[in-house]
């Protein structure tokens, strides 16, 4: 992780499976890492660089009005896929 504002106090066991309608907290390190891992599933290749790019999108460009994990995931998938494929 390249950003350092995260809270790591919540149990990570809560973040497995697929994104849900639960509230998304961009300050929760486990939840951000969970979404990064979920996004890795739609990429053909995945490296630390792609993970950091997704983290940067969450930290700097994810719209504030996206309140749930699933809405954040869909936005990330669309945004990162479009940017990733435009560079290929």
Protein backbone atom coordinates (compact mmCIF):
# COMPACT_ATOMS: atom_id res chain seq x y z
CA UNK A 1 0.00 0.00 0.00
CA UNK A 2 1.35 3.40 -0.93
CA UNK A 3 -1.03 5.63 1.02
CA UNK A 4 -0.60 5.74 4.77
CA UNK A 5 -3.84 7.10 6.23
CA UNK A 6 -5.48 3.74 6.82
CA UNK A 7 -7.05 2.36 9.96
CA UNK A 8 -6.03 -1.29 10.41
CA UNK A 9 -8.07 -1.99 13.58
CA UNK A 10 -11.08 -3.74 12.02
CA UNK A 11 -10.82 -7.51 11.63
CA UNK A 12 -9.84 -8.50 8.10
CA UNK A 13 -11.98 -11.67 8.30
CA UNK A 14 -15.02 -9.54 7.48
CA UNK A 15 -13.67 -8.80 4.02
CA UNK A 16 -13.90 -11.90 1.91
CA UNK A 17 -16.05 -13.12 -0.94
CA UNK A 18 -17.49 -10.50 -3.24
CA UNK A 19 -18.30 -6.81 -2.67
CA UNK A 20 -21.64 -6.20 -0.96
CA UNK A 21 -23.93 -3.27 -0.23
CA UNK A 22 -22.20 -2.66 3.09
CA UNK A 23 -20.85 0.85 3.58
CA UNK A 24 -17.44 1.46 2.01
CA UNK A 25 -14.87 3.24 4.18
CA UNK A 26 -11.86 4.45 2.18
CA UNK A 27 -9.94 4.87 5.42
CA UNK A 28 -10.25 1.18 6.34
CA UNK A 29 -7.07 -0.48 5.09
CA UNK A 30 -8.57 -3.97 5.11
CA UNK A 31 -11.58 -2.87 3.09
CA UNK A 32 -9.44 -1.00 0.52
CA UNK A 33 -7.16 -4.03 0.18
CA UNK A 34 -10.27 -6.23 -0.22
CA UNK A 35 -11.49 -4.10 -3.14
CA UNK A 36 -8.04 -4.10 -4.74
CA UNK A 37 -8.03 -7.90 -4.56
CA UNK A 38 -11.55 -8.07 -6.01
CA UNK A 39 -10.44 -5.86 -8.90
CA UNK A 40 -7.48 -8.12 -9.60
CA UNK A 41 -9.91 -10.84 -10.67
CA UNK A 42 -10.91 -9.01 -13.87
CA UNK A 43 -7.36 -8.31 -15.04
CA UNK A 44 -5.41 -10.76 -17.18
CA UNK A 45 -2.21 -9.92 -15.35
CA UNK A 46 -1.88 -8.31 -11.95
CA UNK A 47 1.18 -6.85 -10.30
CA UNK A 48 1.99 -4.55 -7.42
CA UNK A 49 1.88 -1.65 -9.91
CA UNK A 50 -1.74 -2.39 -10.87
CA UNK A 51 -2.64 -2.71 -7.19
CA UNK A 52 -1.07 0.66 -6.48
CA UNK A 53 -2.91 2.20 -9.44
CA UNK A 54 -6.22 0.91 -8.07
CA UNK A 55 -5.33 2.21 -4.59
CA UNK A 56 -4.56 5.63 -6.10
CA UNK A 57 -7.94 5.64 -7.85
CA UNK A 58 -9.67 4.85 -4.55
CA UNK A 59 -7.71 7.51 -2.69
CA UNK A 60 -7.95 10.29 -5.22
CA UNK A 61 -10.69 9.82 -7.80
CA UNK A 62 -13.40 7.56 -6.40
CA UNK A 63 -16.52 9.76 -6.28
CA UNK A 64 -17.68 10.61 -2.75
CA UNK A 65 -21.27 9.69 -3.61
CA UNK A 66 -20.29 6.02 -4.00
CA UNK A 67 -21.17 4.68 -0.57
CA UNK A 68 -21.18 0.87 -0.88
CA UNK A 69 -18.49 -1.67 -1.69
CA UNK A 70 -20.36 -2.86 -4.76
CA UNK A 71 -20.82 0.64 -6.21
CA UNK A 72 -17.14 1.42 -5.58
CA UNK A 73 -16.16 -1.91 -7.15
CA UNK A 74 -18.22 -1.28 -10.30
CA UNK A 75 -16.76 2.22 -10.67
CA UNK A 76 -13.21 0.89 -10.16
CA UNK A 77 -13.74 -1.95 -12.60
CA UNK A 78 -15.01 0.39 -15.28
CA UNK A 79 -12.45 3.14 -14.68
CA UNK A 80 -9.38 0.95 -14.24
CA UNK A 81 -10.30 -1.32 -17.15
CA UNK A 82 -10.76 1.65 -19.47
CA UNK A 83 -7.46 3.23 -18.44
CA UNK A 84 -5.59 -0.09 -18.47
CA UNK A 85 -6.86 -1.14 -21.91
CA UNK A 86 -6.17 2.31 -23.39
CA UNK A 87 -2.47 1.89 -22.49
CA UNK A 88 -2.14 -1.53 -24.14
